[in-house]
PDB file of N, CA and C in Angstrom:
ATOM      1  N   MET A   1       0.838  -1.171   0.000  1.00  0.00           N
ATOM      2  CA  MET A   1       0.000   0.000   0.000  1.00  0.00           C
ATOM      3  C   MET A   1       0.889   1.242   0.000  1.00  0.00           C
ATOM      4  N   VAL A   2       0.579   2.201  -0.861  1.00  0.00           N
ATOM      5  CA  VAL A   2       1.336   3.443  -0.953  1.00  0.00           C
ATOM      6  C   VAL A   2       0.597   4.512  -0.163  1.00  0.00           C
ATOM      7  N   VAL A   3       1.309   5.190   0.718  1.00  0.00           N
ATOM      8  CA  VAL A   3       0.723   6.260   1.516  1.00  0.00           C
ATOM      9  C   VAL A   3       1.337   7.575   1.062  1.00  0.00           C
ATOM     10  N   ARG A   4       0.463   8.488   0.626  1.00  0.00           N
ATOM     11  CA  ARG A   4       0.951   9.808   0.218  1.00  0.00           C
ATOM     12  C   ARG A   4       1.250  10.632   1.464  1.00  0.00           C
ATOM     13  N   THR A   5       2.380  11.327   1.436  1.00  0.00           N
ATOM     14  CA  THR A   5       2.695  12.190   2.565  1.00  0.00           C
ATOM     15  C   THR A   5       2.570  13.659   2.200  1.00  0.00           C
ATOM     16  N   GLU A   6       2.757  13.987   0.926  1.00  0.00           N
ATOM     17  CA  GLU A   6       2.654  15.378   0.523  1.00  0.00           C
ATOM     18  C   GLU A   6       1.191  15.783   0.416  1.00  0.00           C
ATOM     19  N   LEU A   7       0.911  17.001   0.796  1.00  0.00           N
ATOM     20  CA  LEU A   7      -0.441  17.531   0.713  1.00  0.00           C
ATOM     21  C   LEU A   7      -0.541  18.476  -0.474  1.00  0.00           C
ATOM     22  N   THR A   8      -1.668  18.437  -1.169  1.00  0.00           N
ATOM     23  CA  THR A   8      -1.905  19.405  -2.226  1.00  0.00           C
ATOM     24  C   THR A   8      -2.202  20.753  -1.583  1.00  0.00           C
ATOM     25  N   ASP A   9      -2.206  21.806  -2.389  1.00  0.00           N
ATOM     26  CA  ASP A   9      -2.545  23.126  -1.855  1.00  0.00           C
ATOM     27  C   ASP A   9      -3.962  23.138  -1.291  1.00  0.00           C
ATOM     28  N   ASP A  10      -4.900  22.489  -1.979  1.00  0.00           N
ATOM     29  CA  ASP A  10      -6.284  22.443  -1.478  1.00  0.00           C
ATOM     30  C   ASP A  10      -6.374  21.685  -0.163  1.00  0.00           C
ATOM     31  N   GLU A  11      -5.673  20.567  -0.053  1.00  0.00           N
ATOM     32  CA  GLU A  11      -5.680  19.798   1.200  1.00  0.00           C
ATOM     33  C   GLU A  11      -5.078  20.622   2.341  1.00  0.00           C
ATOM     34  N   THR A  12      -4.009  21.332   2.039  1.00  0.00           N
ATOM     35  CA  THR A  12      -3.365  22.171   3.054  1.00  0.00           C
ATOM     36  C   THR A  12      -4.307  23.273   3.511  1.00  0.00           C
ATOM     37  N   ASP A  13      -4.991  23.907   2.568  1.00  0.00           N
ATOM     38  CA  ASP A  13      -5.952  24.956   2.929  1.00  0.00           C
ATOM     39  C   ASP A  13      -7.060  24.405   3.815  1.00  0.00           C
ATOM     40  N   ARG A  14      -7.635  23.261   3.425  1.00  0.00           N
ATOM     41  CA  ARG A  14      -8.712  22.660   4.232  1.00  0.00           C
ATOM     42  C   ARG A  14      -8.215  22.274   5.625  1.00  0.00           C
ATOM     43  N   LEU A  15      -7.005  21.735   5.680  1.00  0.00           N
ATOM     44  CA  LEU A  15      -6.435  21.304   6.953  1.00  0.00           C
ATOM     45  C   LEU A  15      -6.295  22.476   7.922  1.00  0.00           C
ATOM     46  N   PHE A  16      -5.651  23.546   7.466  1.00  0.00           N
ATOM     47  CA  PHE A  16      -5.408  24.660   8.383  1.00  0.00           C
ATOM     48  C   PHE A  16      -6.662  25.481   8.651  1.00  0.00           C
ATOM     49  N   GLN A  17      -7.592  25.516   7.709  1.00  0.00           N
ATOM     50  CA  GLN A  17      -8.873  26.166   7.997  1.00  0.00           C
ATOM     51  C   GLN A  17      -9.635  25.373   9.052  1.00  0.00           C
ATOM     52  N   ALA A  18      -9.563  24.058   8.967  1.00  0.00           N
ATOM     53  CA  ALA A  18     -10.234  23.216   9.957  1.00  0.00           C
ATOM     54  C   ALA A  18      -9.623  23.406  11.341  1.00  0.00           C
ATOM     55  N   LEU A  19      -8.315  23.526  11.392  1.00  0.00           N
ATOM     56  CA  LEU A  19      -7.632  23.660  12.683  1.00  0.00           C
ATOM     57  C   LEU A  19      -7.669  25.091  13.232  1.00  0.00           C
ATOM     58  N   ALA A  20      -8.202  26.028  12.460  1.00  0.00           N
ATOM     59  CA  ALA A  20      -8.231  27.425  12.891  1.00  0.00           C
ATOM     60  C   ALA A  20      -9.227  27.677  14.022  1.00  0.00           C
ATOM     61  N   ALA A  21     -10.216  26.819  14.175  1.00  0.00           N
ATOM     62  CA  ALA A  21     -11.248  27.021  15.201  1.00  0.00           C
ATOM     63  C   ALA A  21     -10.965  26.149  16.424  1.00  0.00           C
ATOM     64  N   SER A  22     -11.029  26.764  17.592  1.00  0.00           N
ATOM     65  CA  SER A  22     -10.722  26.037  18.826  1.00  0.00           C
ATOM     66  C   SER A  22     -11.705  24.891  19.079  1.00  0.00           C
ATOM     67  N   THR A  23     -12.970  25.066  18.722  1.00  0.00           N
ATOM     68  CA  THR A  23     -13.942  23.986  18.910  1.00  0.00           C
ATOM     69  C   THR A  23     -13.564  22.781  18.065  1.00  0.00           C
ATOM     70  N   ARG A  24     -13.138  23.016  16.816  1.00  0.00           N
ATOM     71  CA  ARG A  24     -12.753  21.895  15.962  1.00  0.00           C
ATOM     72  C   ARG A  24     -11.493  21.216  16.487  1.00  0.00           C
ATOM     73  N   ARG A  25     -10.541  22.001  16.990  1.00  0.00           N
ATOM     74  CA  ARG A  25      -9.349  21.376  17.570  1.00  0.00           C
ATOM     75  C   ARG A  25      -9.727  20.514  18.767  1.00  0.00           C
ATOM     76  N   ASP A  26     -10.694  20.975  19.560  1.00  0.00           N
ATOM     77  CA  ASP A  26     -11.128  20.200  20.722  1.00  0.00           C
ATOM     78  C   ASP A  26     -11.859  18.932  20.285  1.00  0.00           C
ATOM     79  N   ILE A  27     -12.699  19.025  19.266  1.00  0.00           N
ATOM     80  CA  ILE A  27     -13.382  17.842  18.746  1.00  0.00           C
ATOM     81  C   ILE A  27     -12.351  16.841  18.238  1.00  0.00           C
ATOM     82  N   LEU A  28     -11.348  17.329  17.523  1.00  0.00           N
ATOM     83  CA  LEU A  28     -10.301  16.441  17.027  1.00  0.00           C
ATOM     84  C   LEU A  28      -9.579  15.754  18.182  1.00  0.00           C
ATOM     85  N   ARG A  29      -9.230  16.521  19.195  1.00  0.00           N
ATOM     86  CA  ARG A  29      -8.544  15.940  20.360  1.00  0.00           C
ATOM     87  C   ARG A  29      -9.397  14.847  20.997  1.00  0.00           C
ATOM     88  N   ARG A  30     -10.667  15.124  21.192  1.00  0.00           N
ATOM     89  CA  ARG A  30     -11.575  14.152  21.824  1.00  0.00           C
ATOM     90  C   ARG A  30     -11.706  12.882  20.987  1.00  0.00           C
ATOM     91  N   THR A  31     -11.792  13.062  19.674  1.00  0.00           N
ATOM     92  CA  THR A  31     -11.995  11.888  18.812  1.00  0.00           C
ATOM     93  C   THR A  31     -10.707  11.117  18.568  1.00  0.00           C
ATOM     94  N   LEU A  32      -9.581  11.723  18.834  1.00  0.00           N
ATOM     95  CA  LEU A  32      -8.325  10.977  18.778  1.00  0.00           C
ATOM     96  C   LEU A  32      -8.174  10.100  20.014  1.00  0.00           C
ATOM     97  N   GLU A  33      -8.743  10.561  21.129  1.00  0.00           N
ATOM     98  CA  GLU A  33      -8.685   9.772  22.366  1.00  0.00           C
ATOM     99  C   GLU A  33      -9.532   8.511  22.237  1.00  0.00           C
ATOM    100  N   HIS A  34     -10.755   8.662  21.699  1.00  0.00           N
ATOM    101  CA  HIS A  34     -11.614   7.514  21.444  1.00  0.00           C
ATOM    102  C   HIS A  34     -12.793   7.928  20.565  1.00  0.00           C
ATOM    103  N   GLU A  35     -13.300   6.957  19.833  1.00  0.00           N
ATOM    104  CA  GLU A  35     -14.431   7.188  18.937  1.00  0.00           C
ATOM    105  C   GLU A  35     -15.647   7.623  19.744  1.00  0.00           C
ATOM    106  N   GLN A  36     -16.379   8.600  19.218  1.00  0.00           N
ATOM    107  CA  GLN A  36     -17.554   9.119  19.911  1.00  0.00           C
ATOM    108  C   GLN A  36     -18.664   9.388  18.909  1.00  0.00           C
ATOM    109  N   SER A  37     -19.876   9.377  19.391  1.00  0.00           N
ATOM    110  CA  SER A  37     -20.998   9.746  18.527  1.00  0.00           C
ATOM    111  C   SER A  37     -21.057  11.270  18.437  1.00  0.00           C
ATOM    112  N   VAL A  38     -21.641  11.744  17.348  1.00  0.00           N
ATOM    113  CA  VAL A  38     -21.807  13.192  17.190  1.00  0.00           C
ATOM    114  C   VAL A  38     -22.689  13.725  18.313  1.00  0.00           C
ATOM    115  N   SER A  39     -23.686  12.941  18.729  1.00  0.00           N
ATOM    116  CA  SER A  39     -24.566  13.355  19.837  1.00  0.00           C
ATOM    117  C   SER A  39     -23.781  13.554  21.124  1.00  0.00           C
ATOM    118  N   THR A  40     -22.871  12.637  21.415  1.00  0.00           N
ATOM    119  CA  THR A  40     -22.043  12.749  22.619  1.00  0.00           C
ATOM    120  C   THR A  40     -21.161  13.991  22.539  1.00  0.00           C
ATOM    121  N   LEU A  41     -20.587  14.217  21.370  1.00  0.00           N
ATOM    122  CA  LEU A  41     -19.764  15.418  21.189  1.00  0.00           C
ATOM    123  C   LEU A  41     -20.597  16.674  21.394  1.00  0.00           C
ATOM    124  N   ALA A  42     -21.786  16.707  20.809  1.00  0.00           N
ATOM    125  CA  ALA A  42     -22.640  17.893  20.876  1.00  0.00           C
ATOM    126  C   ALA A  42     -23.013  18.241  22.319  1.00  0.00           C
ATOM    127  N   ALA A  43     -23.150  17.229  23.165  1.00  0.00           N
ATOM    128  CA  ALA A  43     -23.517  17.470  24.565  1.00  0.00           C
ATOM    129  C   ALA A  43     -22.423  18.217  25.322  1.00  0.00           C
ATOM    130  N   GLU A  44     -21.204  18.216  24.801  1.00  0.00           N
ATOM    131  CA  GLU A  44     -20.073  18.856  25.480  1.00  0.00           C
ATOM    132  C   GLU A  44     -19.942  20.353  25.191  1.00  0.00           C
ATOM    133  N   TYR A  45     -20.724  20.857  24.238  1.00  0.00           N
ATOM    134  CA  TYR A  45     -20.553  22.249  23.815  1.00  0.00           C
ATOM    135  C   TYR A  45     -21.837  23.032  23.988  1.00  0.00           C
ATOM    136  N   GLU A  46     -21.672  24.303  24.259  1.00  0.00           N
ATOM    137  CA  GLU A  46     -22.828  25.191  24.401  1.00  0.00           C
ATOM    138  C   GLU A  46     -23.196  25.762  23.034  1.00  0.00           C
ATOM    139  N   MET A  47     -23.571  24.866  22.148  1.00  0.00           N
ATOM    140  CA  MET A  47     -24.026  25.249  20.808  1.00  0.00           C
ATOM    141  C   MET A  47     -24.994  24.180  20.350  1.00  0.00           C
ATOM    142  N   SER A  48     -25.676  24.460  19.272  1.00  0.00           N
ATOM    143  CA  SER A  48     -26.675  23.510  18.774  1.00  0.00           C
ATOM    144  C   SER A  48     -26.009  22.258  18.216  1.00  0.00           C
ATOM    145  N   PHE A  49     -26.814  21.205  18.145  1.00  0.00           N
ATOM    146  CA  PHE A  49     -26.357  19.960  17.543  1.00  0.00           C
ATOM    147  C   PHE A  49     -25.931  20.218  16.100  1.00  0.00           C
ATOM    148  N   ALA A  50     -26.705  21.032  15.383  1.00  0.00           N
ATOM    149  CA  ALA A  50     -26.387  21.345  13.984  1.00  0.00           C
ATOM    150  C   ALA A  50     -25.040  22.047  13.862  1.00  0.00           C
ATOM    151  N   ALA A  51     -24.722  22.923  14.809  1.00  0.00           N
ATOM    152  CA  ALA A  51     -23.427  23.629  14.769  1.00  0.00           C
ATOM    153  C   ALA A  51     -22.277  22.646  14.967  1.00  0.00           C
ATOM    154  N   VAL A  52     -22.457  21.695  15.884  1.00  0.00           N
ATOM    155  CA  VAL A  52     -21.419  20.676  16.099  1.00  0.00           C
ATOM    156  C   VAL A  52     -21.288  19.809  14.854  1.00  0.00           C
ATOM    157  N   GLN A  53     -22.408  19.460  14.238  1.00  0.00           N
ATOM    158  CA  GLN A  53     -22.368  18.681  12.996  1.00  0.00           C
ATOM    159  C   GLN A  53     -21.570  19.416  11.922  1.00  0.00           C
ATOM    160  N   LYS A  54     -21.738  20.728  11.833  1.00  0.00           N
ATOM    161  CA  LYS A  54     -20.984  21.506  10.839  1.00  0.00           C
ATOM    162  C   LYS A  54     -19.491  21.459  11.135  1.00  0.00           C
ATOM    163  N   HIS A  55     -19.124  21.571  12.417  1.00  0.00           N
ATOM    164  CA  HIS A  55     -17.707  21.472  12.784  1.00  0.00           C
ATOM    165  C   HIS A  55     -17.158  20.093  12.400  1.00  0.00           C
ATOM    166  N   VAL A  56     -17.934  19.058  12.667  1.00  0.00           N
ATOM    167  CA  VAL A  56     -17.519  17.698  12.319  1.00  0.00           C
ATOM    168  C   VAL A  56     -17.355  17.581  10.804  1.00  0.00           C
ATOM    169  N   SER A  57     -18.256  18.170  10.050  1.00  0.00           N
ATOM    170  CA  SER A  57     -18.174  18.121   8.582  1.00  0.00           C
ATOM    171  C   SER A  57     -16.918  18.797   8.056  1.00  0.00           C
ATOM    172  N   VAL A  58     -16.542  19.919   8.665  1.00  0.00           N
ATOM    173  CA  VAL A  58     -15.322  20.618   8.253  1.00  0.00           C
ATOM    174  C   VAL A  58     -14.103  19.736   8.534  1.00  0.00           C
ATOM    175  N   LEU A  59     -14.077  19.109   9.709  1.00  0.00           N
ATOM    176  CA  LEU A  59     -12.964  18.213  10.051  1.00  0.00           C
ATOM    177  C   LEU A  59     -12.926  17.003   9.123  1.00  0.00           C
ATOM    178  N   GLU A  60     -14.088  16.491   8.778  1.00  0.00           N
ATOM    179  CA  GLU A  60     -14.153  15.342   7.879  1.00  0.00           C
ATOM    180  C   GLU A  60     -13.666  15.733   6.477  1.00  0.00           C
ATOM    181  N   ALA A  61     -14.075  16.905   5.990  1.00  0.00           N
ATOM    182  CA  ALA A  61     -13.645  17.367   4.663  1.00  0.00           C
ATOM    183  C   ALA A  61     -12.135  17.566   4.614  1.00  0.00           C
ATOM    184  N   ALA A  62     -11.548  17.919   5.749  1.00  0.00           N
ATOM    185  CA  ALA A  62     -10.095  18.110   5.827  1.00  0.00           C
ATOM    186  C   ALA A  62      -9.356  16.788   5.992  1.00  0.00           C
ATOM    187  N   GLY A  63     -10.097  15.703   6.199  1.00  0.00           N
ATOM    188  CA  GLY A  63      -9.471  14.397   6.373  1.00  0.00           C
ATOM    189  C   GLY A  63      -8.949  14.145   7.769  1.00  0.00           C
ATOM    190  N   LEU A  64      -9.312  15.010   8.705  1.00  0.00           N
ATOM    191  CA  LEU A  64      -8.811  14.871  10.074  1.00  0.00           C
ATOM    192  C   LEU A  64      -9.612  13.876  10.902  1.00  0.00           C
ATOM    193  N   ILE A  65     -10.857  13.650  10.514  1.00  0.00           N
ATOM    194  CA  ILE A  65     -11.677  12.663  11.211  1.00  0.00           C
ATOM    195  C   ILE A  65     -12.381  11.783  10.185  1.00  0.00           C
ATOM    196  N   VAL A  66     -12.813  10.633  10.652  1.00  0.00           N
ATOM    197  CA  VAL A  66     -13.571   9.694   9.833  1.00  0.00           C
ATOM    198  C   VAL A  66     -14.898   9.475  10.542  1.00  0.00           C
ATOM    199  N   LYS A  67     -15.972   9.549   9.779  1.00  0.00           N
ATOM    200  CA  LYS A  67     -17.309   9.362  10.342  1.00  0.00           C
ATOM    201  C   LYS A  67     -17.897   8.085   9.746  1.00  0.00           C
ATOM    202  N   ARG A  68     -18.569   7.313  10.593  1.00  0.00           N
ATOM    203  CA  ARG A  68     -19.216   6.093  10.111  1.00  0.00           C
ATOM    204  C   ARG A  68     -20.565   5.953  10.804  1.00  0.00           C
ATOM    205  N   ALA A  69     -21.455   5.276  10.115  1.00  0.00           N
ATOM    206  CA  ALA A  69     -22.793   5.043  10.660  1.00  0.00           C
ATOM    207  C   ALA A  69     -22.809   3.722  11.407  1.00  0.00           C
ATOM    208  N   GLU A  70     -23.467   3.755  12.549  1.00  0.00           N
ATOM    209  CA  GLU A  70     -23.740   2.532  13.307  1.00  0.00           C
ATOM    210  C   GLU A  70     -25.178   2.659  13.800  1.00  0.00           C
ATOM    211  N   GLY A  71     -26.079   2.006  13.072  1.00  0.00           N
ATOM    212  CA  GLY A  71     -27.494   2.177  13.376  1.00  0.00           C
ATOM    213  C   GLY A  71     -27.898   3.609  13.064  1.00  0.00           C
ATOM    214  N   ARG A  72     -28.514   4.250  14.036  1.00  0.00           N
ATOM    215  CA  ARG A  72     -28.946   5.642  13.855  1.00  0.00           C
ATOM    216  C   ARG A  72     -27.857   6.638  14.239  1.00  0.00           C
ATOM    217  N   GLU A  73     -26.811   6.162  14.864  1.00  0.00           N
ATOM    218  CA  GLU A  73     -25.753   7.062  15.317  1.00  0.00           C
ATOM    219  C   GLU A  73     -24.680   7.243  14.252  1.00  0.00           C
ATOM    220  N   ARG A  74     -24.038   8.384  14.313  1.00  0.00           N
ATOM    221  CA  ARG A  74     -22.866   8.663  13.489  1.00  0.00           C
ATOM    222  C   ARG A  74     -21.678   8.739  14.438  1.00  0.00           C
ATOM    223  N   LEU A  75     -20.752   7.789  14.273  1.00  0.00           N
ATOM    224  CA  LEU A  75     -19.579   7.731  15.135  1.00  0.00           C
ATOM    225  C   LEU A  75     -18.408   8.417  14.442  1.00  0.00           C
ATOM    226  N   VAL A  76     -17.622   9.110  15.221  1.00  0.00           N
ATOM    227  CA  VAL A  76     -16.529   9.920  14.703  1.00  0.00           C
ATOM    228  C   VAL A  76     -15.249   9.522  15.420  1.00  0.00           C
ATOM    229  N   ARG A  77     -14.180   9.359  14.631  1.00  0.00           N
ATOM    230  CA  ARG A  77     -12.856   9.106  15.229  1.00  0.00           C
ATOM    231  C   ARG A  77     -11.825   9.940  14.481  1.00  0.00           C
ATOM    232  N   GLY A  78     -10.821  10.380  15.208  1.00  0.00           N
ATOM    233  CA  GLY A  78      -9.733  11.131  14.598  1.00  0.00           C
ATOM    234  C   GLY A  78      -8.903  10.240  13.698  1.00  0.00           C
ATOM    235  N   ASP A  79      -8.344  10.830  12.640  1.00  0.00           N
ATOM    236  CA  ASP A  79      -7.521  10.066  11.700  1.00  0.00           C
ATOM    237  C   ASP A  79      -6.068  10.492  11.844  1.00  0.00           C
ATOM    238  N   PRO A  80      -5.242   9.676  12.510  1.00  0.00           N
ATOM    239  CA  PRO A  80      -3.844  10.049  12.720  1.00  0.00           C
ATOM    240  C   PRO A  80      -3.031  10.125  11.426  1.00  0.00           C
ATOM    241  N   THR A  81      -3.524   9.519  10.347  1.00  0.00           N
ATOM    242  CA  THR A  81      -2.789   9.563   9.078  1.00  0.00           C
ATOM    243  C   THR A  81      -2.667  10.996   8.569  1.00  0.00           C
ATOM    244  N   MET A  82      -3.780  11.739   8.602  1.00  0.00           N
ATOM    245  CA  MET A  82      -3.737  13.126   8.119  1.00  0.00           C
ATOM    246  C   MET A  82      -2.890  13.985   9.051  1.00  0.00           C
ATOM    247  N   ILE A  83      -2.924  13.696  10.320  1.00  0.00           N
ATOM    248  CA  ILE A  83      -2.095  14.451  11.258  1.00  0.00           C
ATOM    249  C   ILE A  83      -0.625  14.200  10.951  1.00  0.00           C
ATOM    250  N   ALA A  84      -0.274  12.974  10.622  1.00  0.00           N
ATOM    251  CA  ALA A  84       1.111  12.656  10.244  1.00  0.00           C
ATOM    252  C   ALA A  84       1.504  13.387   8.965  1.00  0.00           C
ATOM    253  N   ARG A  85       0.583  13.480   8.019  1.00  0.00           N
ATOM    254  CA  ARG A  85       0.869  14.213   6.777  1.00  0.00           C
ATOM    255  C   ARG A  85       1.066  15.698   7.064  1.00  0.00           C
ATOM    256  N   ALA A  86       0.248  16.248   7.966  1.00  0.00           N
ATOM    257  CA  ALA A  86       0.396  17.659   8.336  1.00  0.00           C
ATOM    258  C   ALA A  86       1.729  17.879   9.053  1.00  0.00           C
ATOM    259  N   ARG A  87       2.090  16.945   9.915  1.00  0.00           N
ATOM    260  CA  ARG A  87       3.362  17.036  10.627  1.00  0.00           C
ATOM    261  C   ARG A  87       4.526  17.020   9.630  1.00  0.00           C
ATOM    262  N   ALA A  88       4.441  16.188   8.596  1.00  0.00           N
ATOM    263  CA  ALA A  88       5.495  16.128   7.573  1.00  0.00           C
ATOM    264  C   ALA A  88       5.602  17.458   6.826  1.00  0.00           C
ATOM    265  N   LEU A  89       4.457  18.072   6.536  1.00  0.00           N
ATOM    266  CA  LEU A  89       4.468  19.379   5.872  1.00  0.00           C
ATOM    267  C   LEU A  89       5.151  20.420   6.752  1.00  0.00           C
ATOM    268  N   LEU A  90       4.777  20.462   8.018  1.00  0.00           N
ATOM    269  CA  LEU A  90       5.379  21.431   8.938  1.00  0.00           C
ATOM    270  C   LEU A  90       6.866  21.159   9.134  1.00  0.00           C
ATOM    271  N   ALA A  91       7.262  19.905   9.146  1.00  0.00           N
ATOM    272  CA  ALA A  91       8.684  19.558   9.269  1.00  0.00           C
ATOM    273  C   ALA A  91       9.459  20.054   8.055  1.00  0.00           C
ATOM    274  N   ALA A  92       8.847  19.965   6.877  1.00  0.00           N
ATOM    275  CA  ALA A  92       9.517  20.465   5.664  1.00  0.00           C
ATOM    276  C   ALA A  92       9.714  21.978   5.745  1.00  0.00           C
ATOM    277  N   TYR A  93       8.705  22.696   6.246  1.00  0.00           N
ATOM    278  CA  TYR A  93       8.860  24.145   6.433  1.00  0.00           C
ATOM    279  C   TYR A  93       9.937  24.448   7.464  1.00  0.00           C
ATOM    280  N   GLU A  94       9.956  23.670   8.539  1.00  0.00           N
ATOM    281  CA  GLU A  94      10.978  23.870   9.566  1.00  0.00           C
ATOM    282  C   GLU A  94      12.371  23.636   8.985  1.00  0.00           C
ATOM    283  N   ASP A  95      12.537  22.582   8.210  1.00  0.00           N
ATOM    284  CA  ASP A  95      13.835  22.304   7.576  1.00  0.00           C
ATOM    285  C   ASP A  95      14.265  23.449   6.674  1.00  0.00           C
ATOM    286  N   LEU A  96      13.318  23.997   5.918  1.00  0.00           N
ATOM    287  CA  LEU A  96      13.612  25.122   5.035  1.00  0.00           C
ATOM    288  C   LEU A  96      14.144  26.315   5.832  1.00  0.00           C
ATOM    289  N   TRP A  97      13.453  26.653   6.910  1.00  0.00           N
ATOM    290  CA  TRP A  97      13.867  27.815   7.712  1.00  0.00           C
ATOM    291  C   TRP A  97      15.159  27.545   8.474  1.00  0.00           C
ATOM    292  N   ARG A  98      15.352  26.342   8.959  1.00  0.00           N
ATOM    293  CA  ARG A  98      16.612  26.026   9.638  1.00  0.00           C
ATOM    294  C   ARG A  98      17.790  26.136   8.668  1.00  0.00           C
ATOM    295  N   ALA A  99      17.595  25.703   7.426  1.00  0.00           N
ATOM    296  CA  ALA A  99      18.660  25.830   6.417  1.00  0.00           C
ATOM    297  C   ALA A  99      18.964  27.302   6.150  1.00  0.00           C
ATOM    298  N   ARG A 100      17.947  28.129   6.073  1.00  0.00           N
ATOM    299  CA  ARG A 100      18.161  29.564   5.854  1.00  0.00           C
ATOM    300  C   ARG A 100      18.901  30.200   7.024  1.00  0.00           C
ATOM    301  N   ILE A 101      18.512  29.822   8.230  1.00  0.00           N
ATOM    302  CA  ILE A 101      19.188  30.371   9.413  1.00  0.00           C
ATOM    303  C   ILE A 101      20.637  29.898   9.451  1.00  0.00           C
ATOM    304  N   HIS A 102      20.878  28.641   9.089  1.00  0.00           N
ATOM    305  CA  HIS A 102      22.238  28.107   9.058  1.00  0.00           C
ATOM    306  C   HIS A 102      23.091  28.888   8.059  1.00  0.00           C
ATOM    307  N   ARG A 103      22.531  29.172   6.884  1.00  0.00           N
ATOM    308  CA  ARG A 103      23.274  29.959   5.892  1.00  0.00           C
ATOM    309  C   ARG A 103      23.564  31.361   6.410  1.00  0.00           C
ATOM    310  N   LEU A 104      22.610  31.961   7.109  1.00  0.00           N
ATOM    311  CA  LEU A 104      22.814  33.288   7.682  1.00  0.00           C
ATOM    312  C   LEU A 104      23.897  33.240   8.756  1.00  0.00           C
ATOM    313  N   ASP A 105      23.876  32.208   9.600  1.00  0.00           N
ATOM    314  CA  ASP A 105      24.923  32.038  10.617  1.00  0.00           C
ATOM    315  C   ASP A 105      26.293  31.932   9.959  1.00  0.00           C
ATOM    316  N   ASP A 106      26.385  31.143   8.870  1.00  0.00           N
ATOM    317  CA  ASP A 106      27.655  30.992   8.150  1.00  0.00           C
ATOM    318  C   ASP A 106      28.122  32.330   7.589  1.00  0.00           C
ATOM    319  N   LEU A 107      27.199  33.085   7.056  1.00  0.00           N
ATOM    320  CA  LEU A 107      27.535  34.388   6.484  1.00  0.00           C
ATOM    321  C   LEU A 107      28.048  35.336   7.565  1.00  0.00           C
ATOM    322  N   LEU A 108      27.398  35.335   8.711  1.00  0.00           N
ATOM    323  CA  LEU A 108      27.809  36.217   9.804  1.00  0.00           C
ATOM    324  C   LEU A 108      29.127  35.776  10.431  1.00  0.00           C
ATOM    325  N   ALA A 109      29.436  34.495  10.380  1.00  0.00           N
ATOM    326  CA  ALA A 109      30.665  33.989  10.974  1.00  0.00           C
ATOM    327  C   ALA A 109      31.869  34.160  10.043  1.00  0.00           C
ATOM    328  N   ALA A 110      31.615  34.399   8.781  1.00  0.00           N
ATOM    329  CA  ALA A 110      32.719  34.559   7.815  1.00  0.00           C
ATOM    330  C   ALA A 110      33.456  35.859   8.103  1.00  0.00           C
ATOM    331  N   PRO A 111      34.803  35.845   7.905  1.00  0.00           N
ATOM    332  CA  PRO A 111      35.550  37.081   8.114  1.00  0.00           C
ATOM    333  C   PRO A 111      35.064  38.157   7.161  1.00  0.00           C
ATOM    334  N   ALA A 112      34.984  39.345   7.685  1.00  0.00           N
ATOM    335  CA  ALA A 112      34.497  40.469   6.868  1.00  0.00           C
ATOM    336  C   ALA A 112      35.577  40.911   5.897  1.00  0.00           C
ATOM    337  N   SER A 113      35.161  41.267   4.706  1.00  0.00           N
ATOM    338  CA  SER A 113      36.114  41.816   3.720  1.00  0.00           C
ATOM    339  C   SER A 113      36.416  43.243   4.135  1.00  0.00           C
ATOM    340  N   PRO A 114      37.674  43.633   3.999  1.00  0.00           N
ATOM    341  CA  PRO A 114      37.994  45.020   4.364  1.00  0.00           C
ATOM    342  C   PRO A 114      37.250  45.992   3.419  1.00  0.00           C
ATOM    343  N   LEU A 115      36.828  47.093   3.990  1.00  0.00           N
ATOM    344  CA  LEU A 115      36.137  48.094   3.197  1.00  0.00           C
ATOM    345  C   LEU A 115      37.167  48.868   2.388  1.00  0.00           C
ATOM    346  N   PRO A 116      36.839  49.242   1.152  1.00  0.00           N
ATOM    347  CA  PRO A 116      37.778  50.033   0.360  1.00  0.00           C
ATOM    348  C   PRO A 116      37.986  51.403   1.000  1.00  0.00           C
ATOM    349  N   LYS A 117      39.203  51.888   0.905  1.00  0.00           N
ATOM    350  CA  LYS A 117      39.511  53.223   1.434  1.00  0.00           C
ATOM    351  C   LYS A 117      38.967  54.255   0.471  1.00  0.00           C
ATOM    352  N   PRO A 118      38.605  55.407   0.996  1.00  0.00           N
ATOM    353  CA  PRO A 118      38.080  56.453   0.110  1.00  0.00           C
ATOM    354  C   PRO A 118      39.099  56.780  -0.976  1.00  0.00           C
ATOM    355  N   GLY A 119      38.634  56.900  -2.173  1.00  0.00           N
ATOM    356  CA  GLY A 119      39.491  57.217  -3.308  1.00  0.00           C
ATOM    357  C   GLY A 119      40.060  56.015  -3.998  1.00  0.00           C
ATOM    358  N   GLU A 120      39.832  54.819  -3.491  1.00  0.00           N
ATOM    359  CA  GLU A 120      40.344  53.603  -4.146  1.00  0.00           C
ATOM    360  C   GLU A 120      39.386  53.089  -5.145  1.00  0.00           C
TER     361      GLU A 120
END
């Protein structure tokens, strides 16, 4: 089985838009701990069931959670695969910036060239 680690621009946008809201981050945290019904999740927040469903839908569209039907209930669990892909993306950005800082450190550590004297 081949697992993609790189995210497309659209996937990246959906991922970070999903993680931008504290309620969605909390839902993700809860569903990573253990699978829960949307009803159980909704009982934890001071908002309507429909509002929680919308948050769940945003997380599902971003690939951060997986929803499945069991009878009349919709069970939700966090998907660690997408989190690993997001972590790989952030690690690539970190590597890029660390390389830039390393080059800047090298430049600053290099002996300075003498400045030309006036009239030279």
